């Protein structure tokens, strides 16, 4: 019995020892194999084995990594609602205002209402007849409305906010006022035109019979006779234009792209021609975003950004005759 009891105690001791050994083995195994998230943390600090990374297709050999100007297609995808500062990144057009002629150019870029607005309700609108010409105040706080042209018979641009039915007739006069003496002023043109397609931006191209001479100071006057219950009501603006001799140094290939000429004219401060060429491009390609950006930038350079969203109409045709020089 004693031997049997000793054998039973021996078996129980052996079982207990095996149990303790198994528990110790499991504990050591757990310490040698941390939890999965600890494995991931450890791996983040190890160099990446490129052999285990999935290979991605390489870019096409036609990809150009060198910096370049935005393409026209790229600009077409860009919103037109940029600030004037932001537009400089999307347009190469920059107008550099030239020095004002010593003659001065006192004028009026924006028309006013009539003396009796209640007879012409549409004149109460905040929008006014506006000449699309650079304007600034002199030291004497006088508005100077003035620009340059390289053309003998240039085109002048205006914004007309009125409907055609509200305008009886438009009239444009041009005077040579190079001489400061009033008695020496000479009228070189006077012609009428009919308003169509407004409200919008209109261009008035001088007839081929009217030739501006270089380095002369010409004063233009635009008047719209209003359809009101009172006779002889009108709204008007006036400004100056000077023709210069300009040598276009663009290559033959560059001249094939009219936009290059716009950029050059703006850079040289030749306002009337830069605006006219760009307006023609806008008419032919009204949806081209790059031209929309140029138009906004050019007008914005002279404080006329509000008019960059206005429609460019096909109006108007001036009478083709010029007046005799009249004092």
Protein backbone atom coordinates (compact mmCIF):
# COMPACT_ATOMS: atom_id res chain seq x y z
CA UNK A 1 0.00 0.00 0.00
CA UNK A 2 2.86 2.26 0.82
CA UNK A 3 4.48 1.57 -2.53
CA UNK A 4 1.18 2.24 -4.30
CA UNK A 5 0.68 5.50 -2.56
CA UNK A 6 4.22 6.58 -3.40
CA UNK A 7 3.61 5.74 -7.09
CA UNK A 8 0.41 7.82 -7.13
CA UNK A 9 2.21 10.75 -5.56
CA UNK A 10 4.98 10.41 -8.11
CA UNK A 11 2.47 10.51 -11.01
CA UNK A 12 0.77 13.58 -9.60
CA UNK A 13 4.10 15.34 -9.22
CA UNK A 14 5.08 14.47 -12.77
CA UNK A 15 1.78 15.83 -14.11
CA UNK A 16 2.20 19.03 -12.14
CA UNK A 17 5.72 19.51 -13.44
CA UNK A 18 4.59 19.02 -17.05
CA UNK A 19 1.81 21.55 -16.55
CA UNK A 20 4.23 24.16 -15.18
CA UNK A 21 6.60 23.51 -18.08
CA UNK A 22 3.85 23.97 -20.65
CA UNK A 23 2.75 27.26 -19.06
CA UNK A 24 6.31 28.57 -19.07
CA UNK A 25 6.71 27.59 -22.75
CA UNK A 26 3.54 29.49 -23.77
CA UNK A 27 4.65 32.62 -21.92
CA UNK A 28 8.04 32.62 -23.63
CA UNK A 29 6.36 32.09 -27.00
CA UNK A 30 4.12 35.11 -26.47
CA UNK A 31 7.06 37.35 -25.67
CA UNK A 32 8.89 36.24 -28.80
CA UNK A 33 5.87 37.03 -31.01
CA UNK A 34 4.36 40.47 -30.24
CA UNK A 35 0.87 41.49 -31.35
CA UNK A 36 0.36 42.26 -35.09
CA UNK A 37 0.18 46.02 -34.59
CA UNK A 38 3.55 45.97 -32.86
CA UNK A 39 4.97 44.06 -35.81
CA UNK A 40 3.66 46.82 -38.16
CA UNK A 41 5.16 49.57 -36.02
CA UNK A 42 8.51 47.83 -36.12
CA UNK A 43 8.33 47.38 -39.88
CA UNK A 44 7.72 51.11 -40.45
CA UNK A 45 11.19 51.83 -39.21
CA UNK A 46 12.81 49.30 -41.52
CA UNK A 47 14.05 50.16 -45.04
CA UNK A 48 11.49 49.35 -47.73
CA UNK A 49 12.25 46.23 -49.68
CA UNK A 50 11.56 47.33 -53.27
CA UNK A 51 11.38 43.75 -54.37
CA UNK A 52 8.14 43.37 -52.43
CA UNK A 53 6.52 46.60 -53.68
CA UNK A 54 3.99 46.43 -56.47
CA UNK A 55 5.43 47.89 -59.67
CA UNK A 56 3.44 50.85 -61.16
CA UNK A 57 3.41 51.79 -64.82
CA UNK A 58 6.03 54.41 -65.67
CA UNK A 59 4.93 57.68 -67.36
CA UNK A 60 4.87 57.80 -71.12
CA UNK A 61 8.06 58.97 -72.80
CA UNK A 62 6.08 61.93 -74.21
CA UNK A 63 5.65 63.45 -70.73
CA UNK A 64 7.45 66.77 -70.45
CA UNK A 65 8.60 67.54 -66.94
CA UNK A 66 10.16 70.86 -67.83
CA UNK A 67 8.25 74.00 -66.76
CA UNK A 68 6.14 75.69 -69.41
CA UNK A 69 3.39 78.25 -69.79
CA UNK A 70 -0.18 76.96 -69.35
CA UNK A 71 -1.56 75.63 -72.60
CA UNK A 72 -4.78 76.99 -74.02
CA UNK A 73 -6.56 73.70 -73.24
CA UNK A 74 -5.37 73.96 -69.65
CA UNK A 75 -6.67 77.49 -69.39
CA UNK A 76 -10.00 76.46 -70.84
CA UNK A 77 -10.51 74.31 -67.76
CA UNK A 78 -9.78 77.20 -65.39
CA UNK A 79 -12.56 79.28 -63.89
CA UNK A 80 -12.78 82.88 -65.16
CA UNK A 81 -13.60 84.14 -61.66
CA UNK A 82 -10.07 85.16 -60.73
CA UNK A 83 -9.03 88.38 -59.03
CA UNK A 84 -6.99 90.80 -61.11
CA UNK A 85 -3.89 89.72 -59.23
CA UNK A 86 -4.66 86.07 -59.89
CA UNK A 87 -5.18 86.68 -63.60
CA UNK A 88 -1.56 87.70 -64.01
CA UNK A 89 -0.68 84.02 -63.68
CA UNK A 90 -3.01 83.15 -66.56
CA UNK A 91 -2.34 86.00 -69.00
CA UNK A 92 0.82 87.37 -70.59
CA UNK A 93 -0.90 90.66 -71.36
CA UNK A 94 0.30 93.61 -69.31
CA UNK A 95 -0.44 97.22 -70.23
CA UNK A 96 2.34 99.67 -69.50
CA UNK A 97 0.95 103.18 -69.47
CA UNK A 98 3.15 105.58 -71.44
CA UNK A 99 4.06 109.07 -70.31
CA UNK A 100 1.34 111.59 -70.98
CA UNK A 101 1.93 114.13 -73.74
CA UNK A 102 2.93 117.59 -72.44
CA UNK A 103 -0.20 118.84 -74.17
CA UNK A 104 -2.33 117.10 -71.57
CA UNK A 105 -5.55 115.21 -72.26
CA UNK A 106 -8.42 116.48 -70.12
CA UNK A 107 -11.51 114.42 -70.84
CA UNK A 108 -14.48 112.48 -69.49
CA UNK A 109 -14.44 108.67 -69.56
CA UNK A 110 -17.93 108.18 -68.14
CA UNK A 111 -21.14 109.83 -69.29
CA UNK A 112 -23.73 111.24 -66.92
CA UNK A 113 -27.49 111.41 -66.76
CA UNK A 114 -29.64 114.14 -68.21
CA UNK A 115 -30.72 117.27 -66.43
CA UNK A 116 -34.20 115.81 -66.06
CA UNK A 117 -33.89 112.07 -65.38
CA UNK A 118 -37.59 111.54 -64.72
CA UNK A 119 -38.20 111.99 -68.45
CA UNK A 120 -35.66 109.24 -69.23
CA UNK A 121 -36.13 106.44 -66.66
CA UNK A 122 -33.44 104.22 -68.19
CA UNK A 123 -30.81 106.89 -67.44
CA UNK A 124 -31.32 106.26 -63.73
CA UNK A 125 -29.35 103.03 -64.10
CA UNK A 126 -26.02 102.88 -62.30
CA UNK A 127 -24.39 101.92 -65.61
CA UNK A 128 -23.24 104.78 -67.80
CA UNK A 129 -21.89 105.31 -71.28
CA UNK A 130 -18.17 104.60 -70.85
CA UNK A 131 -15.14 105.03 -73.08
CA UNK A 132 -12.80 102.03 -72.88
CA UNK A 133 -9.69 104.17 -72.63
CA UNK A 134 -7.08 104.61 -69.88
CA UNK A 135 -7.85 107.47 -67.49
CA UNK A 136 -6.05 108.94 -64.51
CA UNK A 137 -5.96 112.17 -62.55
CA UNK A 138 -3.22 114.72 -63.05
CA UNK A 139 -1.53 116.60 -60.23
CA UNK A 140 -4.25 119.19 -60.63
CA UNK A 141 -6.84 116.40 -60.11
CA UNK A 142 -8.05 116.71 -63.69
CA UNK A 143 -9.13 113.50 -65.43
CA UNK A 144 -6.77 112.64 -68.28
CA UNK A 145 -8.34 110.31 -70.88
CA UNK A 146 -5.73 109.38 -73.44
CA UNK A 147 -4.13 106.59 -75.48
CA UNK A 148 -1.79 105.80 -78.36
CA UNK A 149 -2.34 104.17 -81.75
CA UNK A 150 -0.17 102.98 -84.61
CA UNK A 151 -3.08 103.07 -87.07
CA UNK A 152 -3.96 105.90 -89.41
CA UNK A 153 -7.66 105.03 -89.15
CA UNK A 154 -8.02 103.40 -85.71
CA UNK A 155 -11.00 101.90 -83.91
CA UNK A 156 -12.43 103.41 -80.72
CA UNK A 157 -14.29 101.23 -78.19
CA UNK A 158 -17.13 102.12 -75.83
CA UNK A 159 -19.62 100.47 -73.52
CA UNK A 160 -23.25 101.40 -74.22
CA UNK A 161 -25.66 100.28 -71.46
CA UNK A 162 -28.83 101.34 -73.30
CA UNK A 163 -31.21 99.51 -75.60
CA UNK A 164 -31.23 100.57 -79.26
CA UNK A 165 -34.79 101.89 -78.91
CA UNK A 166 -33.57 104.39 -76.33
CA UNK A 167 -31.04 105.99 -78.68
CA UNK A 168 -32.01 108.17 -81.60
CA UNK A 169 -28.56 108.40 -83.12
CA UNK A 170 -24.91 108.36 -82.15
CA UNK A 171 -22.40 110.96 -83.25
CA UNK A 172 -18.58 110.98 -83.28
CA UNK A 173 -16.43 114.06 -83.83
CA UNK A 174 -12.65 114.25 -84.05
CA UNK A 175 -10.69 117.46 -83.74
CA UNK A 176 -7.02 118.17 -84.19
CA UNK A 177 -6.22 120.10 -81.02
CA UNK A 178 -2.45 119.87 -81.10
CA UNK A 179 -2.19 123.62 -80.84
CA UNK A 180 -3.33 124.89 -77.46
CA UNK A 181 -4.85 127.95 -79.08
CA UNK A 182 -8.60 127.40 -79.37
CA UNK A 183 -8.83 129.28 -82.65
CA UNK A 184 -6.44 126.79 -84.24
CA UNK A 185 -8.52 123.68 -83.50
CA UNK A 186 -9.51 121.83 -86.66
CA UNK A 187 -12.32 119.32 -87.06
CA UNK A 188 -11.24 116.41 -89.26
CA UNK A 189 -14.30 114.18 -88.92
CA UNK A 190 -17.95 114.24 -87.96
CA UNK A 191 -20.21 111.25 -88.57
CA UNK A 192 -23.32 109.53 -87.29
CA UNK A 193 -24.09 105.89 -86.56
CA UNK A 194 -27.05 103.77 -85.57
CA UNK A 195 -26.97 101.77 -82.34
CA UNK A 196 -27.69 98.02 -82.65
CA UNK A 197 -27.17 95.00 -80.43
CA UNK A 198 -26.77 96.86 -77.15
CA UNK A 199 -26.36 96.81 -74.18
CA UNK A 200 -22.77 95.87 -74.86
CA UNK A 201 -19.33 96.92 -76.02
CA UNK A 202 -19.22 98.63 -79.42
CA UNK A 203 -16.34 99.47 -81.77
CA UNK A 204 -16.26 102.52 -84.03
CA UNK A 205 -13.73 102.20 -86.84
CA UNK A 206 -12.80 105.45 -88.52
CA UNK A 207 -13.45 105.48 -92.26
CA UNK A 208 -10.42 104.93 -94.48
CA UNK A 209 -10.82 108.51 -95.68
CA UNK A 210 -9.92 109.76 -92.21
CA UNK A 211 -6.17 109.67 -91.61
CA UNK A 212 -4.53 110.62 -88.34
CA UNK A 213 -1.09 112.12 -88.72
CA UNK A 214 1.77 110.98 -86.48
CA UNK A 215 2.56 113.02 -83.38
CA UNK A 216 -0.62 115.08 -83.59
CA UNK A 217 -3.03 115.34 -80.66
CA UNK A 218 -6.60 114.44 -81.59
CA UNK A 219 -9.58 115.02 -79.34
CA UNK A 220 -12.61 112.80 -79.97
CA UNK A 221 -16.16 113.43 -78.76
CA UNK A 222 -18.87 110.75 -78.63
CA UNK A 223 -22.48 111.72 -78.07
CA UNK A 224 -25.66 109.63 -77.90
CA UNK A 225 -28.90 111.48 -78.58
CA UNK A 226 -31.49 110.07 -76.20
CA UNK A 227 -35.11 109.19 -76.93
CA UNK A 228 -36.74 111.18 -74.14
CA UNK A 229 -39.83 113.32 -73.85
CA UNK A 230 -37.52 116.33 -73.79
CA UNK A 231 -35.79 117.27 -77.01
CA UNK A 232 -32.02 117.57 -77.39
CA UNK A 233 -31.13 115.31 -74.50
CA UNK A 234 -27.84 113.46 -74.81
CA UNK A 235 -25.10 111.69 -72.89
CA UNK A 236 -21.48 112.01 -73.95
CA UNK A 237 -17.85 111.16 -73.29
CA UNK A 238 -14.61 112.55 -74.71
CA UNK A 239 -10.94 111.67 -74.78
CA UNK A 240 -7.72 111.86 -76.76
CA UNK A 241 -5.76 109.77 -79.22
CA UNK A 242 -2.25 110.22 -80.57
CA UNK A 243 -0.75 108.33 -83.48
CA UNK A 244 2.87 107.23 -83.24
CA UNK A 245 5.23 105.46 -85.62
CA UNK A 246 5.88 102.01 -84.25
CA UNK A 247 8.26 99.41 -85.63
CA UNK A 248 6.78 95.96 -85.06
CA UNK A 249 9.80 93.75 -84.38
CA UNK A 250 7.89 90.49 -84.32
CA UNK A 251 9.13 87.81 -86.68
CA UNK A 252 6.98 86.70 -89.60
CA UNK A 253 6.07 83.52 -87.74
CA UNK A 254 5.14 85.42 -84.58
CA UNK A 255 2.92 87.77 -86.55
CA UNK A 256 0.81 84.82 -87.63
CA UNK A 257 -0.46 84.67 -84.04
CA UNK A 258 -2.36 87.91 -83.52
CA UNK A 259 -2.28 87.40 -79.76
CA UNK A 260 1.47 88.04 -79.86
CA UNK A 261 0.75 91.45 -81.34
CA UNK A 262 -1.75 92.16 -78.55
CA UNK A 263 0.90 91.32 -75.95
CA UNK A 264 3.47 93.51 -77.72
CA UNK A 265 1.14 96.51 -78.16
CA UNK A 266 0.11 96.34 -74.50
CA UNK A 267 3.73 96.12 -73.40
CA UNK A 268 4.60 99.20 -75.47
CA UNK A 269 1.60 101.14 -74.16
CA UNK A 270 -0.26 101.31 -77.50
CA UNK A 271 -3.73 101.03 -76.01
CA UNK A 272 -6.13 101.48 -78.91
CA UNK A 273 -4.49 98.81 -81.08
CA UNK A 274 -4.03 96.28 -78.27
CA UNK A 275 -7.70 96.58 -77.32
CA UNK A 276 -8.92 96.48 -80.91
CA UNK A 277 -6.93 93.37 -81.87
CA UNK A 278 -7.98 91.57 -78.72
CA UNK A 279 -11.63 92.49 -79.27
CA UNK A 280 -11.45 91.03 -82.79
CA UNK A 281 -9.99 87.81 -81.40
CA UNK A 282 -12.74 87.65 -78.79
CA UNK A 283 -15.37 88.08 -81.47
CA UNK A 284 -13.93 85.22 -83.55
CA UNK A 285 -13.35 82.90 -80.57
CA UNK A 286 -15.76 83.96 -77.81
CA UNK A 287 -15.36 80.74 -75.80
CA UNK A 288 -11.54 80.68 -75.73
CA UNK A 289 -10.63 80.96 -72.05
CA UNK A 290 -7.13 82.25 -72.75
CA UNK A 291 -8.62 85.22 -74.63
CA UNK A 292 -11.20 85.80 -71.91
CA UNK A 293 -8.35 85.99 -69.39
CA UNK A 294 -6.42 88.40 -71.64
CA UNK A 295 -9.50 90.60 -72.03
CA UNK A 296 -10.08 90.71 -68.26
CA UNK A 297 -6.41 91.45 -67.61
CA UNK A 298 -6.08 94.23 -70.20
CA UNK A 299 -9.22 96.06 -69.08
CA UNK A 300 -8.32 95.49 -65.45
CA UNK A 301 -4.94 97.14 -65.98
CA UNK A 302 -6.73 100.47 -66.55
CA UNK A 303 -9.52 100.09 -64.00
CA UNK A 304 -12.18 98.81 -66.42
CA UNK A 305 -12.44 95.22 -65.16
CA UNK A 306 -16.21 95.54 -64.63
CA UNK A 307 -16.67 95.77 -68.40
CA UNK A 308 -14.76 92.58 -69.19
CA UNK A 309 -17.94 90.52 -68.73
CA UNK A 310 -20.02 92.65 -71.08
CA UNK A 311 -20.99 91.32 -74.50
CA UNK A 312 -18.97 92.50 -77.50
CA UNK A 313 -21.51 93.48 -80.17
CA UNK A 314 -21.15 93.82 -83.92
CA UNK A 315 -22.26 97.46 -83.76
CA UNK A 316 -21.58 99.98 -85.34
CA UNK A 317 -20.76 101.46 -88.75
CA UNK A 318 -19.72 105.09 -89.00
CA UNK A 319 -20.62 107.19 -91.97
CA UNK A 320 -17.81 106.90 -94.51
CA UNK A 321 -17.34 110.59 -95.20
CA UNK A 322 -15.09 113.04 -93.40
CA UNK A 323 -15.66 116.73 -92.94
CA UNK A 324 -13.62 119.50 -94.39
CA UNK A 325 -11.12 120.88 -91.92
CA UNK A 326 -13.24 123.27 -89.90
CA UNK A 327 -12.16 125.79 -87.30
